[in-house]
Amino acid sequence: MVCRSKMSKKKSENQRDVTNEILDGEMPQGQSANEEVVLGSNFKVLVSLWFTRLKIIFFTIFHLLSWSIFGDLYYKILLGYAAENFVCLQQRLSKPQLRLKYLKKLLLEDCSHNILYSLILYFYHPLPWVWLPILLFAILHAANHPWFDEMNKHGLIARSITFLESQSTSFLKIIAVTEIFIIVLIPFHLQDWSFRQIVFTYVTTYFYLEFLVMRFHSRQNPFTRIVMDQLQDEIEILTLKPSCPAIVRHFLSKVAALLTSRFGRNNKELQLFNSMKKPLFGKNGFLSGLA
């Protein structure tokens, strides 16, 4: 037993030495030149993504403060979000292929959903609260960077990271709720009743609904399904109340039927369990699967 514990201790020390060498920029002996190039390239991508997310956070703050120093920040936030997810998508998938199987795999990725979210809203009139999912995702992913794994757990930054990790589930639910209710805002921002504007609003609403359907069927993020299920439950509770007017009950029943036909029903407890099986933060955490 003593021999085995010594061997495991020595093995963990060797792994720590290798990790330190990689973090210091020195490759451990036995690694090929190609692996060194790949490692350096991945490190550059991680750094660029982290600074992009930091820029999105600052741009969103300046946008909320109505600072016009950097121009129209609303569209810069959307473009930055699309660019960030495009880089993440390149890291996840292999080289682009003109195959149906590759296209299906592409549309299942959350990064593709985020790019679609940015592009749909970029070409429409500015809407309120569009920045909220982008800001919360940027904060969570910036806090989930590997740099913070080696920091002192009792420092101010480490305590902030711990707080964000404890609130991650709430943030992801807020993101899902905001993304769902943005579809309600789109028709109310119709500029005029011209045929062109009506068609433009209808097309935007249609594509945004398709975005929600893809988000609903996401393999990595179950929170849209959880929130949608809770929303359908609340609608059914309201329609069953005796005090609910008949016209409101009829309207809500139509909305519930539309949601059920378009999205279906799900076991929210099972989805929440599946999402919580692994930690939210860390290299192999839940959030890493969304970046």
C-alpha atoms as a PDB file:
ATOM      1  CA  MET A   1       0.000   0.000   0.000  1.00  0.00           C
ATOM      2  CA  VAL A   2       2.854   2.392   0.880  1.00  0.00           C
ATOM      3  CA  CYS A   3       4.584   1.584  -2.421  1.00  0.00           C
ATOM      4  CA  ARG A   4       1.364   2.187  -4.359  1.00  0.00           C
ATOM      5  CA  SER A   5       0.745   5.554  -2.641  1.00  0.00           C
ATOM      6  CA  LYS A   6       4.318   6.637  -3.424  1.00  0.00           C
ATOM      7  CA  MET A   7       3.897   5.659  -7.063  1.00  0.00           C
ATOM      8  CA  SER A   8       0.570   7.577  -7.362  1.00  0.00           C
ATOM      9  CA  LYS A   9       2.132  10.598  -5.632  1.00  0.00           C
ATOM     10  CA  LYS A  10       5.090  10.517  -8.013  1.00  0.00           C
ATOM     11  CA  LYS A  11       2.719  10.200 -10.996  1.00  0.00           C
ATOM     12  CA  SER A  12       0.659  13.216  -9.903  1.00  0.00           C
ATOM     13  CA  GLU A  13       3.855  15.248  -9.393  1.00  0.00           C
ATOM     14  CA  ASN A  14       5.011  14.349 -12.907  1.00  0.00           C
ATOM     15  CA  GLN A  15       1.632  15.402 -14.340  1.00  0.00           C
ATOM     16  CA  ARG A  16       1.834  18.688 -12.420  1.00  0.00           C
ATOM     17  CA  ASP A  17       5.342  19.317 -13.779  1.00  0.00           C
ATOM     18  CA  VAL A  18       4.118  18.730 -17.325  1.00  0.00           C
ATOM     19  CA  THR A  19       1.195  21.114 -16.795  1.00  0.00           C
ATOM     20  CA  ASN A  20       3.498  23.783 -15.383  1.00  0.00           C
ATOM     21  CA  GLU A  21       5.856  23.420 -18.331  1.00  0.00           C
ATOM     22  CA  ILE A  22       2.961  23.882 -20.753  1.00  0.00           C
ATOM     23  CA  LEU A  23       1.679  26.941 -18.877  1.00  0.00           C
ATOM     24  CA  ASP A  24       5.200  28.415 -18.845  1.00  0.00           C
ATOM     25  CA  GLY A  25       5.435  27.967 -22.611  1.00  0.00           C
ATOM     26  CA  GLU A  26       7.961  25.106 -22.486  1.00  0.00           C
ATOM     27  CA  MET A  27       7.058  21.828 -24.132  1.00  0.00           C
ATOM     28  CA  PRO A  28       7.850  18.640 -22.215  1.00  0.00           C
ATOM     29  CA  GLN A  29      10.424  16.419 -23.811  1.00  0.00           C
ATOM     30  CA  GLY A  30       9.119  13.877 -26.265  1.00  0.00           C
ATOM     31  CA  GLN A  31       6.539  16.241 -27.843  1.00  0.00           C
ATOM     32  CA  SER A  32       6.795  16.787 -31.592  1.00  0.00           C
ATOM     33  CA  ALA A  33       7.105  20.177 -33.278  1.00  0.00           C
ATOM     34  CA  ASN A  34       3.597  19.837 -34.725  1.00  0.00           C
ATOM     35  CA  GLU A  35       2.093  19.355 -31.250  1.00  0.00           C
ATOM     36  CA  GLU A  36       3.978  22.440 -30.062  1.00  0.00           C
ATOM     37  CA  VAL A  37       2.486  24.499 -32.896  1.00  0.00           C
ATOM     38  CA  VAL A  38      -1.035  23.187 -32.158  1.00  0.00           C
ATOM     39  CA  LEU A  39      -0.672  23.955 -28.441  1.00  0.00           C
ATOM     40  CA  GLY A  40       0.574  27.465 -29.168  1.00  0.00           C
ATOM     41  CA  SER A  41      -2.252  28.023 -31.644  1.00  0.00           C
ATOM     42  CA  ASN A  42      -4.885  26.847 -29.134  1.00  0.00           C
ATOM     43  CA  PHE A  43      -3.426  29.113 -26.457  1.00  0.00           C
ATOM     44  CA  LYS A  44      -3.641  32.106 -28.817  1.00  0.00           C
ATOM     45  CA  VAL A  45      -7.259  31.246 -29.623  1.00  0.00           C
ATOM     46  CA  LEU A  46      -8.129  31.013 -25.899  1.00  0.00           C
ATOM     47  CA  VAL A  47      -6.505  34.377 -25.226  1.00  0.00           C
ATOM     48  CA  SER A  48      -8.223  36.058 -28.178  1.00  0.00           C
ATOM     49  CA  LEU A  49     -11.602  34.608 -27.147  1.00  0.00           C
ATOM     50  CA  TRP A  50     -11.140  35.804 -23.577  1.00  0.00           C
ATOM     51  CA  PHE A  51     -10.315  39.365 -24.706  1.00  0.00           C
ATOM     52  CA  THR A  52     -13.254  39.302 -27.160  1.00  0.00           C
ATOM     53  CA  ARG A  53     -15.601  38.404 -24.312  1.00  0.00           C
ATOM     54  CA  LEU A  54     -14.055  41.111 -22.157  1.00  0.00           C
ATOM     55  CA  LYS A  55     -14.607  43.620 -24.974  1.00  0.00           C
ATOM     56  CA  ILE A  56     -18.261  42.498 -25.262  1.00  0.00           C
ATOM     57  CA  ILE A  57     -18.729  43.104 -21.518  1.00  0.00           C
ATOM     58  CA  PHE A  58     -17.299  46.637 -21.733  1.00  0.00           C
ATOM     59  CA  PHE A  59     -19.219  47.439 -24.917  1.00  0.00           C
ATOM     60  CA  THR A  60     -22.463  46.328 -23.249  1.00  0.00           C
ATOM     61  CA  ILE A  61     -21.774  48.505 -20.202  1.00  0.00           C
ATOM     62  CA  PHE A  62     -21.021  51.516 -22.432  1.00  0.00           C
ATOM     63  CA  HIS A  63     -24.171  50.761 -24.458  1.00  0.00           C
ATOM     64  CA  LEU A  64     -26.291  50.783 -21.281  1.00  0.00           C
ATOM     65  CA  LEU A  65     -24.655  54.058 -20.199  1.00  0.00           C
ATOM     66  CA  SER A  66     -25.471  55.504 -23.654  1.00  0.00           C
ATOM     67  CA  TRP A  67     -21.845  56.451 -24.318  1.00  0.00           C
ATOM     68  CA  SER A  68     -21.413  57.287 -27.998  1.00  0.00           C
ATOM     69  CA  ILE A  69     -17.589  57.286 -27.916  1.00  0.00           C
ATOM     70  CA  PHE A  70     -17.375  53.994 -29.827  1.00  0.00           C
ATOM     71  CA  GLY A  71     -20.291  54.635 -32.182  1.00  0.00           C
ATOM     72  CA  ASP A  72     -23.382  52.417 -32.286  1.00  0.00           C
ATOM     73  CA  LEU A  73     -22.423  49.709 -29.802  1.00  0.00           C
ATOM     74  CA  TYR A  74     -25.641  47.711 -30.241  1.00  0.00           C
ATOM     75  CA  TYR A  75     -24.492  46.341 -33.589  1.00  0.00           C
ATOM     76  CA  LYS A  76     -20.878  45.949 -32.445  1.00  0.00           C
ATOM     77  CA  ILE A  77     -22.049  43.755 -29.565  1.00  0.00           C
ATOM     78  CA  LEU A  78     -23.983  41.513 -31.965  1.00  0.00           C
ATOM     79  CA  LEU A  79     -21.055  41.279 -34.412  1.00  0.00           C
ATOM     80  CA  GLY A  80     -18.604  40.539 -31.589  1.00  0.00           C
ATOM     81  CA  TYR A  81     -20.886  37.774 -30.318  1.00  0.00           C
ATOM     82  CA  ALA A  82     -21.139  36.285 -33.817  1.00  0.00           C
ATOM     83  CA  ALA A  83     -17.350  36.467 -34.325  1.00  0.00           C
ATOM     84  CA  GLU A  84     -16.665  34.820 -30.952  1.00  0.00           C
ATOM     85  CA  ASN A  85     -19.007  31.920 -31.695  1.00  0.00           C
ATOM     86  CA  PHE A  86     -17.650  31.528 -35.214  1.00  0.00           C
ATOM     87  CA  VAL A  87     -14.155  30.979 -33.779  1.00  0.00           C
ATOM     88  CA  CYS A  88     -15.544  28.506 -31.220  1.00  0.00           C
ATOM     89  CA  LEU A  89     -17.361  26.684 -34.015  1.00  0.00           C
ATOM     90  CA  GLN A  90     -14.134  26.351 -35.986  1.00  0.00           C
ATOM     91  CA  GLN A  91     -12.461  24.866 -32.916  1.00  0.00           C
ATOM     92  CA  ARG A  92     -15.269  22.347 -32.405  1.00  0.00           C
ATOM     93  CA  LEU A  93     -15.783  21.070 -35.937  1.00  0.00           C
ATOM     94  CA  SER A  94     -13.421  19.804 -38.580  1.00  0.00           C
ATOM     95  CA  LYS A  95     -12.902  21.492 -41.940  1.00  0.00           C
ATOM     96  CA  PRO A  96     -16.129  22.547 -43.716  1.00  0.00           C
ATOM     97  CA  GLN A  97     -17.645  19.858 -45.916  1.00  0.00           C
ATOM     98  CA  LEU A  98     -20.426  19.989 -48.501  1.00  0.00           C
ATOM     99  CA  ARG A  99     -22.308  17.076 -46.951  1.00  0.00           C
ATOM    100  CA  LEU A 100     -25.757  16.817 -45.420  1.00  0.00           C
ATOM    101  CA  LYS A 101     -24.363  15.005 -42.374  1.00  0.00           C
ATOM    102  CA  TYR A 102     -21.914  17.847 -41.715  1.00  0.00           C
ATOM    103  CA  LEU A 103     -24.701  20.438 -42.099  1.00  0.00           C
ATOM    104  CA  LYS A 104     -26.894  18.605 -39.585  1.00  0.00           C
ATOM    105  CA  LYS A 105     -23.996  18.434 -37.152  1.00  0.00           C
ATOM    106  CA  LEU A 106     -23.342  22.147 -37.708  1.00  0.00           C
ATOM    107  CA  LEU A 107     -26.935  23.110 -36.902  1.00  0.00           C
ATOM    108  CA  LEU A 108     -26.877  21.084 -33.678  1.00  0.00           C
ATOM    109  CA  GLU A 109     -24.023  23.173 -32.240  1.00  0.00           C
ATOM    110  CA  ASP A 110     -24.935  25.933 -29.798  1.00  0.00           C
ATOM    111  CA  CYS A 111     -22.351  28.180 -31.433  1.00  0.00           C
ATOM    112  CA  SER A 112     -24.369  28.006 -34.665  1.00  0.00           C
ATOM    113  CA  HIS A 113     -27.491  28.992 -32.733  1.00  0.00           C
ATOM    114  CA  ASN A 114     -25.655  31.977 -31.236  1.00  0.00           C
ATOM    115  CA  ILE A 115     -24.438  33.100 -34.676  1.00  0.00           C
ATOM    116  CA  LEU A 116     -27.991  32.838 -35.998  1.00  0.00           C
ATOM    117  CA  TYR A 117     -29.254  34.877 -33.007  1.00  0.00           C
ATOM    118  CA  SER A 118     -26.744  37.631 -33.773  1.00  0.00           C
ATOM    119  CA  LEU A 119     -27.403  37.770 -37.509  1.00  0.00           C
ATOM    120  CA  ILE A 120     -31.216  37.758 -37.231  1.00  0.00           C
ATOM    121  CA  LEU A 121     -31.247  40.624 -34.753  1.00  0.00           C
ATOM    122  CA  TYR A 122     -28.417  42.505 -36.498  1.00  0.00           C
ATOM    123  CA  PHE A 123     -30.559  42.977 -39.621  1.00  0.00           C
ATOM    124  CA  TYR A 124     -33.667  43.995 -37.652  1.00  0.00           C
ATOM    125  CA  HIS A 125     -34.467  47.202 -35.804  1.00  0.00           C
ATOM    126  CA  PRO A 126     -32.740  47.571 -32.399  1.00  0.00           C
ATOM    127  CA  LEU A 127     -34.647  45.764 -29.651  1.00  0.00           C
ATOM    128  CA  PRO A 128     -34.389  46.068 -25.857  1.00  0.00           C
ATOM    129  CA  TRP A 129     -32.824  43.273 -23.794  1.00  0.00           C
ATOM    130  CA  VAL A 130     -31.054  41.715 -26.800  1.00  0.00           C
ATOM    131  CA  TRP A 131     -27.768  42.448 -25.055  1.00  0.00           C
ATOM    132  CA  LEU A 132     -28.671  40.514 -21.866  1.00  0.00           C
ATOM    133  CA  PRO A 133     -28.010  36.914 -23.074  1.00  0.00           C
ATOM    134  CA  ILE A 134     -24.814  38.100 -24.784  1.00  0.00           C
ATOM    135  CA  LEU A 135     -23.581  39.844 -21.628  1.00  0.00           C
ATOM    136  CA  LEU A 136     -24.355  36.906 -19.321  1.00  0.00           C
ATOM    137  CA  PHE A 137     -22.742  34.380 -21.661  1.00  0.00           C
ATOM    138  CA  ALA A 138     -19.648  36.622 -21.940  1.00  0.00           C
ATOM    139  CA  ILE A 139     -19.368  36.924 -18.142  1.00  0.00           C
ATOM    140  CA  LEU A 140     -19.793  33.176 -17.562  1.00  0.00           C
ATOM    141  CA  HIS A 141     -17.326  32.146 -20.281  1.00  0.00           C
ATOM    142  CA  ALA A 142     -14.765  34.784 -19.238  1.00  0.00           C
ATOM    143  CA  ALA A 143     -14.965  33.517 -15.644  1.00  0.00           C
ATOM    144  CA  ASN A 144     -14.593  29.923 -16.854  1.00  0.00           C
ATOM    145  CA  HIS A 145     -11.144  30.528 -18.356  1.00  0.00           C
ATOM    146  CA  PRO A 146      -8.378  28.032 -17.362  1.00  0.00           C
ATOM    147  CA  TRP A 147      -6.244  30.918 -16.033  1.00  0.00           C
ATOM    148  CA  PHE A 148      -8.422  31.141 -12.934  1.00  0.00           C
ATOM    149  CA  ASP A 149      -8.015  27.452 -12.010  1.00  0.00           C
ATOM    150  CA  GLU A 150      -4.567  28.035 -10.512  1.00  0.00           C
ATOM    151  CA  MET A 151      -5.458  31.189  -8.564  1.00  0.00           C
ATOM    152  CA  ASN A 152      -5.598  31.495  -4.802  1.00  0.00           C
ATOM    153  CA  LYS A 153      -9.053  30.306  -3.730  1.00  0.00           C
ATOM    154  CA  HIS A 154      -9.246  32.968  -1.009  1.00  0.00           C
ATOM    155  CA  GLY A 155      -8.520  35.987  -3.238  1.00  0.00           C
ATOM    156  CA  LEU A 156     -11.078  38.549  -4.419  1.00  0.00           C
ATOM    157  CA  ILE A 157     -11.126  37.265  -8.007  1.00  0.00           C
ATOM    158  CA  ALA A 158     -11.442  33.657  -6.819  1.00  0.00           C
ATOM    159  CA  ARG A 159     -14.385  34.588  -4.575  1.00  0.00           C
ATOM    160  CA  SER A 160     -16.012  36.386  -7.505  1.00  0.00           C
ATOM    161  CA  ILE A 161     -15.555  33.279  -9.680  1.00  0.00           C
ATOM    162  CA  THR A 162     -17.101  31.130  -6.930  1.00  0.00           C
ATOM    163  CA  PHE A 163     -20.076  33.492  -6.714  1.00  0.00           C
ATOM    164  CA  LEU A 164     -20.591  33.387 -10.488  1.00  0.00           C
ATOM    165  CA  GLU A 165     -20.404  29.592 -10.433  1.00  0.00           C
ATOM    166  CA  SER A 166     -23.064  29.455  -7.721  1.00  0.00           C
ATOM    167  CA  GLN A 167     -25.334  31.712  -9.804  1.00  0.00           C
ATOM    168  CA  SER A 168     -24.646  30.036 -13.163  1.00  0.00           C
ATOM    169  CA  THR A 169     -27.908  28.099 -13.230  1.00  0.00           C
ATOM    170  CA  SER A 170     -29.887  31.300 -12.586  1.00  0.00           C
ATOM    171  CA  PHE A 171     -27.950  33.116 -15.326  1.00  0.00           C
ATOM    172  CA  LEU A 172     -28.641  30.348 -17.847  1.00  0.00           C
ATOM    173  CA  LYS A 173     -32.358  30.424 -17.004  1.00  0.00           C
ATOM    174  CA  ILE A 174     -32.419  34.224 -17.420  1.00  0.00           C
ATOM    175  CA  ILE A 175     -30.738  33.792 -20.815  1.00  0.00           C
ATOM    176  CA  ALA A 176     -33.386  31.257 -21.865  1.00  0.00           C
ATOM    177  CA  VAL A 177     -36.281  33.446 -20.671  1.00  0.00           C
ATOM    178  CA  THR A 178     -34.889  36.513 -22.462  1.00  0.00           C
ATOM    179  CA  GLU A 179     -34.343  34.627 -25.726  1.00  0.00           C
ATOM    180  CA  ILE A 180     -37.925  33.309 -25.621  1.00  0.00           C
ATOM    181  CA  PHE A 181     -39.595  36.655 -24.914  1.00  0.00           C
ATOM    182  CA  ILE A 182     -37.617  38.550 -27.564  1.00  0.00           C
ATOM    183  CA  ILE A 183     -39.892  36.933 -30.162  1.00  0.00           C
ATOM    184  CA  VAL A 184     -42.794  38.829 -28.565  1.00  0.00           C
ATOM    185  CA  LEU A 185     -40.915  42.134 -28.937  1.00  0.00           C
ATOM    186  CA  ILE A 186     -40.226  41.747 -32.673  1.00  0.00           C
ATOM    187  CA  PRO A 187     -43.785  42.424 -33.964  1.00  0.00           C
ATOM    188  CA  PHE A 188     -44.205  45.400 -31.596  1.00  0.00           C
ATOM    189  CA  HIS A 189     -41.197  47.144 -33.187  1.00  0.00           C
ATOM    190  CA  LEU A 190     -42.802  47.348 -36.607  1.00  0.00           C
ATOM    191  CA  GLN A 191     -41.728  50.782 -37.923  1.00  0.00           C
ATOM    192  CA  ASP A 192     -44.773  51.395 -40.131  1.00  0.00           C
ATOM    193  CA  TRP A 193     -47.583  49.540 -41.876  1.00  0.00           C
ATOM    194  CA  SER A 194     -45.957  49.466 -45.279  1.00  0.00           C
ATOM    195  CA  PHE A 195     -45.913  46.147 -47.118  1.00  0.00           C
ATOM    196  CA  ARG A 196     -42.114  46.042 -46.985  1.00  0.00           C
ATOM    197  CA  GLN A 197     -41.979  46.502 -43.212  1.00  0.00           C
ATOM    198  CA  ILE A 198     -44.716  43.922 -42.609  1.00  0.00           C
ATOM    199  CA  VAL A 199     -42.895  41.308 -44.719  1.00  0.00           C
ATOM    200  CA  PHE A 200     -39.582  42.215 -43.068  1.00  0.00           C
ATOM    201  CA  THR A 201     -41.074  41.755 -39.586  1.00  0.00           C
ATOM    202  CA  TYR A 202     -42.799  38.503 -40.564  1.00  0.00           C
ATOM    203  CA  VAL A 203     -39.579  37.035 -42.028  1.00  0.00           C
ATOM    204  CA  THR A 204     -37.591  38.099 -38.938  1.00  0.00           C
ATOM    205  CA  THR A 205     -40.191  36.519 -36.637  1.00  0.00           C
ATOM    206  CA  TYR A 206     -40.161  33.311 -38.677  1.00  0.00           C
ATOM    207  CA  PHE A 207     -36.367  32.946 -38.595  1.00  0.00           C
ATOM    208  CA  TYR A 208     -36.247  33.820 -34.896  1.00  0.00           C
ATOM    209  CA  LEU A 209     -38.848  31.114 -34.218  1.00  0.00           C
ATOM    210  CA  GLU A 210     -36.610  28.665 -36.082  1.00  0.00           C
ATOM    211  CA  PHE A 211     -33.726  29.788 -33.857  1.00  0.00           C
ATOM    212  CA  LEU A 212     -35.835  29.021 -30.767  1.00  0.00           C
ATOM    213  CA  VAL A 213     -36.722  25.582 -32.151  1.00  0.00           C
ATOM    214  CA  MET A 214     -33.010  24.814 -32.670  1.00  0.00           C
ATOM    215  CA  ARG A 215     -32.212  26.132 -29.193  1.00  0.00           C
ATOM    216  CA  PHE A 216     -35.043  24.000 -27.788  1.00  0.00           C
ATOM    217  CA  HIS A 217     -33.524  20.842 -29.328  1.00  0.00           C
ATOM    218  CA  SER A 218     -29.965  21.714 -28.268  1.00  0.00           C
ATOM    219  CA  ARG A 219     -27.922  18.740 -27.043  1.00  0.00           C
ATOM    220  CA  GLN A 220     -25.675  20.912 -24.851  1.00  0.00           C
ATOM    221  CA  ASN A 221     -28.058  23.435 -23.269  1.00  0.00           C
ATOM    222  CA  PRO A 222     -31.342  22.113 -21.808  1.00  0.00           C
ATOM    223  CA  PHE A 223     -32.396  25.393 -20.164  1.00  0.00           C
ATOM    224  CA  THR A 224     -34.592  26.546 -23.066  1.00  0.00           C
ATOM    225  CA  ARG A 225     -36.540  23.282 -22.781  1.00  0.00           C
ATOM    226  CA  ILE A 226     -36.821  23.663 -19.011  1.00  0.00           C
ATOM    227  CA  VAL A 227     -38.066  27.263 -19.223  1.00  0.00           C
ATOM    228  CA  MET A 228     -40.448  26.481 -22.097  1.00  0.00           C
ATOM    229  CA  ASP A 229     -41.906  23.601 -20.101  1.00  0.00           C
ATOM    230  CA  GLN A 230     -42.407  25.861 -17.081  1.00  0.00           C
ATOM    231  CA  LEU A 231     -44.029  28.486 -19.315  1.00  0.00           C
ATOM    232  CA  GLN A 232     -46.527  25.963 -20.679  1.00  0.00           C
ATOM    233  CA  ASP A 233     -47.338  24.856 -17.120  1.00  0.00           C
ATOM    234  CA  GLU A 234     -48.016  28.465 -16.075  1.00  0.00           C
ATOM    235  CA  ILE A 235     -50.269  29.039 -19.086  1.00  0.00           C
ATOM    236  CA  GLU A 236     -52.291  25.905 -18.267  1.00  0.00           C
ATOM    237  CA  ILE A 237     -52.658  27.012 -14.620  1.00  0.00           C
ATOM    238  CA  LEU A 238     -53.961  30.428 -15.739  1.00  0.00           C
ATOM    239  CA  THR A 239     -56.503  28.915 -18.138  1.00  0.00           C
ATOM    240  CA  LEU A 240     -57.884  26.659 -15.379  1.00  0.00           C
ATOM    241  CA  LYS A 241     -58.581  29.562 -13.000  1.00  0.00           C
ATOM    242  CA  PRO A 242     -62.324  30.419 -12.749  1.00  0.00           C
ATOM    243  CA  SER A 243     -61.483  34.141 -12.607  1.00  0.00           C
ATOM    244  CA  CYS A 244     -59.790  34.021 -16.031  1.00  0.00           C
ATOM    245  CA  PRO A 245     -61.994  35.776 -18.670  1.00  0.00           C
ATOM    246  CA  ALA A 246     -63.244  33.594 -21.504  1.00  0.00           C
ATOM    247  CA  ILE A 247     -61.482  35.598 -24.213  1.00  0.00           C
ATOM    248  CA  VAL A 248     -58.157  35.423 -22.330  1.00  0.00           C
ATOM    249  CA  ARG A 249     -58.663  31.704 -21.693  1.00  0.00           C
ATOM    250  CA  HIS A 250     -59.309  31.127 -25.390  1.00  0.00           C
ATOM    251  CA  PHE A 251     -56.204  33.117 -26.378  1.00  0.00           C
ATOM    252  CA  LEU A 252     -53.968  31.342 -23.846  1.00  0.00           C
ATOM    253  CA  SER A 253     -55.310  27.945 -24.944  1.00  0.00           C
ATOM    254  CA  LYS A 254     -54.333  28.784 -28.527  1.00  0.00           C
ATOM    255  CA  VAL A 255     -50.866  29.878 -27.374  1.00  0.00           C
ATOM    256  CA  ALA A 256     -50.426  26.663 -25.318  1.00  0.00           C
ATOM    257  CA  ALA A 257     -51.548  24.533 -28.278  1.00  0.00           C
ATOM    258  CA  LEU A 258     -49.102  26.366 -30.560  1.00  0.00           C
ATOM    259  CA  LEU A 259     -46.222  25.887 -28.113  1.00  0.00           C
ATOM    260  CA  THR A 260     -47.035  22.198 -27.645  1.00  0.00           C
ATOM    261  CA  SER A 261     -47.279  21.555 -31.392  1.00  0.00           C
ATOM    262  CA  ARG A 262     -44.070  23.463 -32.153  1.00  0.00           C
ATOM    263  CA  PHE A 263     -41.925  22.491 -29.166  1.00  0.00           C
ATOM    264  CA  GLY A 264     -43.631  19.533 -27.470  1.00  0.00           C
ATOM    265  CA  ARG A 265     -43.465  18.710 -23.766  1.00  0.00           C
ATOM    266  CA  ASN A 266     -40.451  17.506 -21.780  1.00  0.00           C
ATOM    267  CA  ASN A 267     -39.539  16.047 -18.451  1.00  0.00           C
ATOM    268  CA  LYS A 268     -37.893  19.092 -16.896  1.00  0.00           C
ATOM    269  CA  GLU A 269     -36.636  17.220 -13.813  1.00  0.00           C
ATOM    270  CA  LEU A 270     -34.745  14.748 -16.008  1.00  0.00           C
ATOM    271  CA  GLN A 271     -33.279  17.563 -18.118  1.00  0.00           C
ATOM    272  CA  LEU A 272     -32.132  19.476 -15.038  1.00  0.00           C
ATOM    273  CA  PHE A 273     -30.561  16.296 -13.660  1.00  0.00           C
ATOM    274  CA  ASN A 274     -28.731  15.659 -16.938  1.00  0.00           C
ATOM    275  CA  SER A 275     -27.383  19.213 -17.018  1.00  0.00           C
ATOM    276  CA  MET A 276     -26.145  19.039 -13.438  1.00  0.00           C
ATOM    277  CA  LYS A 277     -24.346  15.688 -13.722  1.00  0.00           C
ATOM    278  CA  LYS A 278     -21.049  17.503 -14.271  1.00  0.00           C
ATOM    279  CA  PRO A 279     -19.745  20.758 -12.742  1.00  0.00           C
ATOM    280  CA  LEU A 280     -20.696  24.046 -14.379  1.00  0.00           C
ATOM    281  CA  PHE A 281     -17.169  25.486 -14.409  1.00  0.00           C
ATOM    282  CA  GLY A 282     -13.825  23.946 -15.299  1.00  0.00           C
ATOM    283  CA  LYS A 283     -12.155  22.425 -18.369  1.00  0.00           C
ATOM    284  CA  ASN A 284     -14.726  19.592 -18.591  1.00  0.00           C
ATOM    285  CA  GLY A 285     -17.612  21.577 -17.101  1.00  0.00           C
ATOM    286  CA  PHE A 286     -21.063  22.263 -18.484  1.00  0.00           C
ATOM    287  CA  LEU A 287     -20.181  25.790 -19.651  1.00  0.00           C
ATOM    288  CA  SER A 288     -17.177  24.540 -21.609  1.00  0.00           C
ATOM    289  CA  GLY A 289     -19.588  22.559 -23.755  1.00  0.00           C
ATOM    290  CA  LEU A 290     -21.371  25.777 -24.749  1.00  0.00           C
ATOM    291  CA  ALA A 291     -18.237  27.672 -25.860  1.00  0.00           C
END
